[in-house]
Protein backbone atom coordinates (compact mmCIF):
# COMPACT_ATOMS: atom_id res chain seq x y z
CA UNK A 1 -21.67 -13.41 47.80
CA UNK A 2 -20.24 -15.65 45.08
CA UNK A 3 -17.72 -18.46 44.86
CA UNK A 4 -15.08 -17.39 42.33
CA UNK A 5 -12.18 -19.35 40.86
CA UNK A 6 -8.83 -17.73 41.58
CA UNK A 7 -8.25 -17.50 37.82
CA UNK A 8 -11.32 -15.19 37.60
CA UNK A 9 -10.52 -12.94 40.59
CA UNK A 10 -10.17 -9.19 40.14
CA UNK A 11 -8.42 -6.60 42.25
CA UNK A 12 -10.69 -4.65 44.56
CA UNK A 13 -13.01 -7.56 45.31
CA UNK A 14 -13.45 -8.34 49.03
CA UNK A 15 -13.20 -11.78 50.60
CA UNK A 16 -16.47 -12.93 52.20
CA UNK A 17 -14.79 -15.70 54.23
CA UNK A 18 -11.38 -16.57 55.65
CA UNK A 19 -9.15 -18.42 53.19
CA UNK A 20 -7.10 -21.48 54.14
CA UNK A 21 -4.68 -23.59 52.11
CA UNK A 22 -5.21 -27.30 51.45
CA UNK A 23 -3.65 -28.23 54.80
CA UNK A 24 -5.90 -25.83 56.70
CA UNK A 25 -3.32 -23.08 57.31
CA UNK A 26 -4.84 -19.59 57.49
CA UNK A 27 -3.87 -17.45 54.49
CA UNK A 28 -6.14 -14.39 54.32
CA UNK A 29 -8.97 -13.06 56.42
CA UNK A 30 -12.54 -12.14 55.71
CA UNK A 31 -12.99 -8.53 54.50
CA UNK A 32 -9.55 -8.47 52.85
CA UNK A 33 -9.64 -6.30 49.71
CA UNK A 34 -7.77 -8.22 47.03
CA UNK A 35 -4.71 -6.81 45.27
CA UNK A 36 -2.71 -8.34 42.44
CA UNK A 37 -0.23 -9.60 45.04
CA UNK A 38 -3.01 -11.34 47.00
CA UNK A 39 -4.37 -13.01 43.86
CA UNK A 40 -0.91 -14.25 42.81
CA UNK A 41 -0.34 -15.59 46.34
CA UNK A 42 -3.67 -17.46 46.37
CA UNK A 43 -2.76 -19.15 43.10
CA UNK A 44 0.74 -19.97 44.33
CA UNK A 45 -0.70 -21.57 47.49
CA UNK A 46 -2.97 -23.79 45.42
CA UNK A 47 -6.26 -22.15 46.35
CA UNK A 48 -8.76 -22.94 43.59
CA UNK A 49 -11.65 -20.67 44.59
CA UNK A 50 -12.76 -18.20 47.25
CA UNK A 51 -16.00 -16.57 48.40
CA UNK A 52 -16.19 -12.87 47.60
CA UNK A 53 -18.69 -10.20 48.62
CA UNK A 54 -20.85 -8.33 46.17
CA UNK A 55 -24.07 -8.58 44.24
CA UNK A 56 -22.88 -7.90 40.69
CA UNK A 57 -20.09 -10.45 40.63
CA UNK A 58 -20.57 -13.15 37.98
CA UNK A 59 -20.20 -16.71 39.25
CA UNK A 60 -17.17 -18.59 37.96
CA UNK A 61 -17.95 -20.56 34.87
CA UNK A 62 -20.54 -18.06 33.77
CA UNK A 63 -21.08 -18.02 30.01
CA UNK A 64 -22.72 -14.58 30.01
CA UNK A 65 -19.77 -12.96 28.26
CA UNK A 66 -19.48 -15.71 25.63
CA UNK A 67 -21.55 -15.59 22.44
CA UNK A 68 -24.21 -18.31 22.16
CA UNK A 69 -22.95 -19.23 18.70
CA UNK A 70 -19.42 -19.82 20.00
CA UNK A 71 -20.65 -21.93 22.94
CA UNK A 72 -22.84 -24.03 20.62
CA UNK A 73 -19.96 -24.64 18.25
CA UNK A 74 -17.61 -25.67 21.06
CA UNK A 75 -20.19 -27.91 22.74
CA UNK A 76 -20.79 -29.78 19.48
CA UNK A 77 -17.03 -30.32 19.11
CA UNK A 78 -16.75 -31.52 22.71
CA UNK A 79 -19.70 -33.90 22.31
CA UNK A 80 -17.90 -35.42 19.33
CA UNK A 81 -14.65 -35.75 21.31
CA UNK A 82 -16.44 -37.41 24.22
CA UNK A 83 -18.86 -39.54 22.20
CA UNK A 84 -17.55 -42.84 23.57
CA UNK A 85 -18.03 -41.72 27.18
CA UNK A 86 -21.09 -41.99 29.40
CA UNK A 87 -22.40 -38.41 29.33
CA UNK A 88 -24.61 -39.19 32.35
CA UNK A 89 -21.53 -39.81 34.51
CA UNK A 90 -20.99 -36.82 36.83
CA UNK A 91 -17.25 -36.66 36.15
CA UNK A 92 -17.74 -36.71 32.38
CA UNK A 93 -20.46 -34.04 32.64
CA UNK A 94 -18.12 -31.79 34.60
CA UNK A 95 -15.25 -32.47 32.20
CA UNK A 96 -17.52 -31.61 29.27
CA UNK A 97 -18.67 -28.31 30.83
CA UNK A 98 -15.26 -27.17 32.01
CA UNK A 99 -13.46 -28.09 28.80
CA UNK A 100 -16.15 -26.38 26.72
CA UNK A 101 -15.82 -23.19 28.76
CA UNK A 102 -12.04 -23.30 28.59
CA UNK A 103 -11.98 -23.72 24.81
CA UNK A 104 -14.64 -21.06 24.23
CA UNK A 105 -12.84 -18.55 26.46
CA UNK A 106 -9.54 -19.27 24.71
CA UNK A 107 -11.11 -18.69 21.31
CA UNK A 108 -12.83 -15.52 22.52
CA UNK A 109 -9.51 -14.11 23.78
CA UNK A 110 -7.78 -14.94 20.49
CA UNK A 111 -10.30 -12.85 18.51
CA UNK A 112 -9.12 -9.33 17.58
């Protein structure tokens, strides 16, 4: 079982838990096999992440598919951008990690 961001979901994956919107309204049930329509609906309803079943599902935010060299380059750039911030602050740490992943993934997708 893994918690996956809706932006990383793939068709065919199976929900491990019921999904509710931000107000608690039931949206989809456990054991639902996801289709493109389901994934679009989850995003439209503002669901950020869901629990899915499976052993070989990479956790969201995984850098396994990103080259080490690219991640190092991006992290150095992000450290420079955030140099006047307290890098020990939990919010800044999370901002640093998420922005680094976002930039690295964007650059990886832009490569031929």
